[in-house]
Protein backbone atom coordinates (compact mmCIF):
# COMPACT_ATOMS: atom_id res chain seq x y z
CA LYS A 1 -2.80 9.71 39.59
CA LEU A 2 -4.60 6.39 39.26
CA SER A 3 -8.13 6.11 40.58
CA ARG A 4 -9.38 3.02 42.36
CA HIS A 5 -10.66 1.22 39.23
CA ASP A 6 -8.07 2.48 36.72
CA ARG A 7 -5.88 0.00 34.89
CA VAL A 8 -2.68 0.53 32.94
CA LEU A 9 -1.92 -1.70 29.98
CA VAL A 10 1.45 -1.68 28.23
CA ALA A 11 1.91 -4.11 25.36
CA SER A 12 3.98 -4.81 22.29
CA ASP A 13 2.63 -4.15 18.81
CA GLY A 14 1.66 -7.83 18.64
CA LEU A 15 -1.42 -6.89 20.66
CA PHE A 16 -2.28 -3.66 18.87
CA ASP A 17 -1.71 -5.11 15.39
CA ASN A 18 -4.16 -7.93 16.12
CA LEU A 19 -6.88 -6.35 18.27
CA GLN A 20 -8.70 -3.07 17.93
CA LEU A 21 -8.66 -0.70 20.92
CA GLU A 22 -12.37 -1.21 21.55
CA GLU A 23 -11.87 -5.00 21.62
CA ILE A 24 -9.14 -4.61 24.22
CA ALA A 25 -11.15 -2.19 26.37
CA GLN A 26 -14.22 -4.40 26.18
CA ARG A 27 -12.33 -7.45 27.44
CA MET A 28 -10.44 -5.57 30.17
CA ARG A 29 -13.50 -3.76 31.53
CA CYS A 30 -15.28 -5.09 34.65
CA VAL A 31 -13.30 -8.32 35.01
CA ASN A 32 -10.44 -9.52 37.16
CA LEU A 33 -7.20 -8.09 35.75
CA ALA A 34 -5.65 -11.52 35.14
CA GLU A 35 -8.84 -12.71 33.45
CA GLY A 36 -8.85 -9.69 31.13
CA VAL A 37 -5.20 -10.20 30.17
CA THR A 38 -5.91 -13.88 29.50
CA LYS A 39 -8.84 -12.97 27.24
CA ILE A 40 -6.91 -10.47 25.14
CA SER A 41 -3.81 -12.64 24.90
CA LYS A 42 -5.83 -15.67 23.74
CA LEU A 43 -7.65 -13.64 21.09
CA ALA A 44 -4.45 -11.96 19.86
CA THR A 45 -2.65 -15.33 19.69
CA LYS A 46 -5.56 -16.85 17.75
CA ARG A 47 -5.48 -14.00 15.23
CA MET A 48 -1.72 -14.30 14.84
CA ARG A 49 -2.14 -17.94 13.84
CA TYR A 50 -5.10 -17.57 11.46
CA GLU A 51 -5.31 -14.77 8.89
CA SER A 52 -8.67 -13.07 8.48
CA ASP A 53 -10.08 -10.57 6.02
CA SER A 54 -12.63 -9.32 8.56
CA SER A 55 -10.33 -8.81 11.59
CA PRO A 56 -6.80 -7.56 12.13
CA SER A 57 -4.44 -10.55 11.92
CA LYS A 58 -0.66 -10.48 11.70
CA PRO A 59 1.97 -12.91 13.04
CA ASP A 60 4.10 -11.15 15.67
CA ASP A 61 5.49 -11.44 19.17
CA LEU A 62 3.23 -10.61 22.11
CA THR A 63 4.10 -9.02 25.43
CA ILE A 64 1.52 -7.63 27.85
CA LEU A 65 2.05 -5.82 31.15
CA ALA A 66 -1.05 -4.86 33.12
CA LEU A 67 -1.28 -2.93 36.39
CA LYS A 68 -4.03 -1.76 38.68
CA ARG A 69 -4.02 0.20 41.87
CA ALA A 70 -3.93 -2.01 44.96
């Protein structure tokens, strides 16, 4: 059962190969759902384009589905 502030995030490995779980949670917490999805998708897309030794970065496809209780 979802509580009032719970969110469900389903995504392809393009998200999880390019962002750490804490980075995702941090950007999805306490913001509008659409704003949170925009933040994580922009960061994942940036990392897919530019390799980094200090952050996960791997070219891939990206699909994100986010839900919250109405």
